[in-house]
C-alpha atoms as a PDB file:
ATOM      1  CA  PRO A   1       0.085   0.041  -0.055  1.00  0.00           C
ATOM      2  CA  ALA A   2       1.117   3.479  -0.869  1.00  0.00           C
ATOM      3  CA  PHE A   3       1.957   6.050   1.987  1.00  0.00           C
ATOM      4  CA  VAL A   4      -0.964   8.345   2.361  1.00  0.00           C
ATOM      5  CA  VAL A   5      -0.734  11.415   4.099  1.00  0.00           C
ATOM      6  CA  PRO A   6      -4.123  13.319   4.808  1.00  0.00           C
ATOM      7  CA  LEU A   7      -4.280  16.535   2.848  1.00  0.00           C
ATOM      8  CA  ASN A   8      -5.102  18.581   6.002  1.00  0.00           C
ATOM      9  CA  ILE A   9      -1.729  17.577   7.542  1.00  0.00           C
ATOM     10  CA  LEU A  10       0.208  18.421   4.345  1.00  0.00           C
ATOM     11  CA  GLY A  11      -1.600  21.923   4.133  1.00  0.00           C
ATOM     12  CA  GLY A  12      -0.769  22.481   7.690  1.00  0.00           C
ATOM     13  CA  MET A  13       2.781  21.592   7.246  1.00  0.00           C
ATOM     14  CA  ALA A  14       3.088  23.938   4.172  1.00  0.00           C
ATOM     15  CA  SER A  15       1.643  26.682   6.115  1.00  0.00           C
ATOM     16  CA  GLN A  16       4.132  26.146   8.974  1.00  0.00           C
ATOM     17  CA  GLY A  17       7.070  26.027   6.484  1.00  0.00           C
ATOM     18  CA  ALA A  18       5.880  29.484   5.095  1.00  0.00           C
ATOM     19  CA  SER A  19       5.697  30.932   8.481  1.00  0.00           C
ATOM     20  CA  LEU A  20       9.125  29.503   9.265  1.00  0.00           C
ATOM     21  CA  GLN A  21      10.485  31.051   6.298  1.00  0.00           C
ATOM     22  CA  ASN A  22       8.892  34.372   6.953  1.00  0.00           C
ATOM     23  CA  TYR A  23      10.532  34.332  10.567  1.00  0.00           C
ATOM     24  CA  ASN A  24      13.839  33.419   8.999  1.00  0.00           C
ATOM     25  CA  ASN A  25      13.699  36.399   6.518  1.00  0.00           C
ATOM     26  CA  GLU A  26      12.744  38.748   9.318  1.00  0.00           C
ATOM     27  CA  LEU A  27      15.574  37.580  11.669  1.00  0.00           C
ATOM     28  CA  VAL A  28      18.091  37.876   8.809  1.00  0.00           C
ATOM     29  CA  LYS A  29      16.796  41.440   7.982  1.00  0.00           C
ATOM     30  CA  CYS A  30      16.924  42.186  11.905  1.00  0.00           C
ATOM     31  CA  ILE A  31      20.533  41.023  12.085  1.00  0.00           C
ATOM     32  CA  GLU A  32      21.449  42.885   9.060  1.00  0.00           C
ATOM     33  CA  ASP A  33      19.808  46.137  10.498  1.00  0.00           C
ATOM     34  CA  LEU A  34      21.590  45.514  13.641  1.00  0.00           C
ATOM     35  CA  LYS A  35      24.870  45.148  11.940  1.00  0.00           C
ATOM     36  CA  GLU A  36      24.270  48.344   9.798  1.00  0.00           C
ATOM     37  CA  LYS A  37      23.614  50.255  13.227  1.00  0.00           C
ATOM     38  CA  ARG A  38      26.617  48.787  14.661  1.00  0.00           C
ATOM     39  CA  GLU A  39      28.815  49.936  11.769  1.00  0.00           C
ATOM     40  CA  GLU A  40      27.457  53.306  12.134  1.00  0.00           C
ATOM     41  CA  VAL A  41      28.148  53.514  15.719  1.00  0.00           C
ATOM     42  CA  ASN A  42      31.763  52.219  14.887  1.00  0.00           C
ATOM     43  CA  ARG A  43      32.275  54.995  12.251  1.00  0.00           C
ATOM     44  CA  GLN A  44      31.280  57.518  15.007  1.00  0.00           C
ATOM     45  CA  ILE A  45      33.634  55.870  17.533  1.00  0.00           C
ATOM     46  CA  LEU A  46      36.393  56.182  15.028  1.00  0.00           C
ATOM     47  CA  LYS A  47      35.465  59.706  14.215  1.00  0.00           C
ATOM     48  CA  ASP A  48      35.568  60.604  17.931  1.00  0.00           C
ATOM     49  CA  GLU A  49      38.934  58.639  18.547  1.00  0.00           C
ATOM     50  CA  GLU A  50      40.404  60.730  15.692  1.00  0.00           C
ATOM     51  CA  GLU A  51      38.998  63.934  17.114  1.00  0.00           C
ATOM     52  CA  LYS A  52      40.108  63.012  20.582  1.00  0.00           C
ATOM     53  CA  GLN A  53      43.735  62.546  19.408  1.00  0.00           C
ATOM     54  CA  LYS A  54      43.833  65.911  17.544  1.00  0.00           C
ATOM     55  CA  ILE A  55      42.347  67.584  20.876  1.00  0.00           C
ATOM     56  CA  GLN A  56      45.191  65.755  22.860  1.00  0.00           C
ATOM     57  CA  ASN A  57      47.897  66.991  20.456  1.00  0.00           C
ATOM     58  CA  ASP A  58      46.584  70.436  20.376  1.00  0.00           C
ATOM     59  CA  LEU A  59      46.365  70.363  24.187  1.00  0.00           C
ATOM     60  CA  ARG A  60      50.018  69.291  24.264  1.00  0.00           C
ATOM     61  CA  ILE A  61      51.087  72.075  21.987  1.00  0.00           C
ATOM     62  CA  LEU A  62      49.283  74.622  23.924  1.00  0.00           C
ATOM     63  CA  THR A  63      50.657  73.271  27.243  1.00  0.00           C
ATOM     64  CA  GLU A  64      54.110  73.559  26.008  1.00  0.00           C
ATOM     65  CA  ARG A  65      53.480  77.248  24.667  1.00  0.00           C
ATOM     66  CA  LEU A  66      51.965  77.936  28.117  1.00  0.00           C
ATOM     67  CA  SER A  67      54.906  76.763  29.770  1.00  0.00           C
ATOM     68  CA  ARG A  68      57.333  78.648  27.352  1.00  0.00           C
ATOM     69  CA  ILE A  69      55.153  81.850  27.913  1.00  0.00           C
ATOM     70  CA  ASN A  70      55.247  81.373  31.847  1.00  0.00           C
ATOM     71  CA  ASP A  71      59.151  80.901  31.732  1.00  0.00           C
ATOM     72  CA  SER A  72      59.415  84.098  29.683  1.00  0.00           C
ATOM     73  CA  LEU A  73      56.995  86.044  31.831  1.00  0.00           C
ATOM     74  CA  ALA A  74      58.984  85.117  34.959  1.00  0.00           C
ATOM     75  CA  ARG A  75      62.269  86.307  33.223  1.00  0.00           C
ATOM     76  CA  LYS A  76      60.586  89.550  32.147  1.00  0.00           C
ATOM     77  CA  VAL A  77      59.022  90.156  35.608  1.00  0.00           C
ATOM     78  CA  ALA A  78      62.585  89.594  37.138  1.00  0.00           C
ATOM     79  CA  SER A  79      64.070  92.029  34.790  1.00  0.00           C
ATOM     80  CA  ARG A  80      61.632  94.725  35.296  1.00  0.00           C
ATOM     81  CA  ASN A  81      62.078  94.284  39.155  1.00  0.00           C
ATOM     82  CA  GLU A  82      65.797  94.865  38.539  1.00  0.00           C
ATOM     83  CA  TYR A  83      65.112  97.921  36.451  1.00  0.00           C
ATOM     84  CA  ASP A  84      62.811  99.125  39.333  1.00  0.00           C
ATOM     85  CA  LYS A  85      65.518  98.511  41.913  1.00  0.00           C
ATOM     86  CA  THR A  86      68.143 100.357  39.859  1.00  0.00           C
ATOM     87  CA  ILE A  87      65.888 103.086  39.090  1.00  0.00           C
ATOM     88  CA  MET A  88      64.932 103.681  42.896  1.00  0.00           C
ATOM     89  CA  GLU A  89      68.544 103.492  43.934  1.00  0.00           C
ATOM     90  CA  THR A  90      69.612 105.922  41.034  1.00  0.00           C
ATOM     91  CA  GLU A  91      66.662 108.335  41.969  1.00  0.00           C
ATOM     92  CA  ALA A  92      67.742 108.140  45.666  1.00  0.00           C
ATOM     93  CA  ALA A  93      71.440 108.963  44.816  1.00  0.00           C
ATOM     94  CA  TYR A  94      70.476 111.665  42.555  1.00  0.00           C
ATOM     95  CA  MET A  95      68.294 113.421  45.258  1.00  0.00           C
ATOM     96  CA  LYS A  96      71.271 113.202  47.728  1.00  0.00           C
ATOM     97  CA  ILE A  97      73.468 114.938  44.897  1.00  0.00           C
ATOM     98  CA  LEU A  98      70.754 117.597  44.585  1.00  0.00           C
ATOM     99  CA  GLU A  99      70.715 118.098  48.311  1.00  0.00           C
ATOM    100  CA  SER A 100      74.513 118.266  48.476  1.00  0.00           C
ATOM    101  CA  SER A 101      74.544 120.627  45.688  1.00  0.00           C
ATOM    102  CA  GLN A 102      72.083 122.905  47.299  1.00  0.00           C
ATOM    103  CA  THR A 103      74.048 122.806  50.616  1.00  0.00           C
ATOM    104  CA  LEU A 104      77.155 123.482  48.618  1.00  0.00           C
ATOM    105  CA  LEU A 105      75.562 126.447  46.774  1.00  0.00           C
ATOM    106  CA  HIS A 106      74.357 127.927  50.292  1.00  0.00           C
ATOM    107  CA  VAL A 107      77.852 127.524  51.697  1.00  0.00           C
ATOM    108  CA  LEU A 108      79.507 129.128  48.763  1.00  0.00           C
ATOM    109  CA  LYS A 109      77.045 132.144  48.807  1.00  0.00           C
ATOM    110  CA  ARG A 110      77.748 132.560  52.633  1.00  0.00           C
ATOM    111  CA  GLU A 111      81.605 132.133  51.999  1.00  0.00           C
ATOM    112  CA  SER A 112      81.344 134.726  49.125  1.00  0.00           C
ATOM    113  CA  VAL A 113      79.326 137.229  51.225  1.00  0.00           C
ATOM    114  CA  SER A 114      81.694 136.666  54.121  1.00  0.00           C
ATOM    115  CA  LEU A 115      84.713 137.284  51.918  1.00  0.00           C
ATOM    116  CA  THR A 116      82.869 140.478  50.399  1.00  0.00           C
ATOM    117  CA  LYS A 117      82.615 141.874  53.664  1.00  0.00           C
ATOM    118  CA  LYS A 118      86.062 141.185  54.857  1.00  0.00           C
ATOM    119  CA  LYS A 119      87.485 142.665  51.662  1.00  0.00           C
ATOM    120  CA  GLN A 120      85.305 145.739  52.451  1.00  0.00           C
ATOM    121  CA  VAL A 121      86.555 145.992  55.910  1.00  0.00           C
ATOM    122  CA  SER A 122      90.055 145.558  54.860  1.00  0.00           C
ATOM    123  CA  GLN A 123      89.851 148.292  52.126  1.00  0.00           C
ATOM    124  CA  SER A 124      88.066 150.595  54.382  1.00  0.00           C
ATOM    125  CA  GLY A 125      90.806 150.179  57.039  1.00  0.00           C
ATOM    126  CA  THR A 126      93.601 151.067  54.709  1.00  0.00           C
ATOM    127  CA  GLY A 127      91.858 153.505  52.519  1.00  0.00           C
ATOM    128  CA  LYS A 128      90.791 153.086  49.105  1.00  0.00           C
ATOM    129  CA  GLU A 129      93.203 152.512  46.499  1.00  0.00           C
END
């Protein structure tokens, strides 16, 4: 006798096969979508890592520049302080010279007046010549 499969069973199996194929197709599509999304995230990661490297390099360069500028500023401030000190000392010495000059001028005037009086006294005592 031939092997007979009832028609309703065959129809049900065909329907299940079609459903299984649909599930398989959907699953493959979902996996492909996930892979595409993963690849997009991976591209963004690579882009961000590249930007991070650039920023780190810029930061290193700026840090070096900042260090050089700080060194330069420290030297210039020290130099300016030396100028300030020299100017103050020079101005103080100059003021002492001015005071000494003023004192010397007063002494000379006083001596000149004194000598003039002595000359007049000595001339009046001997008569005018």
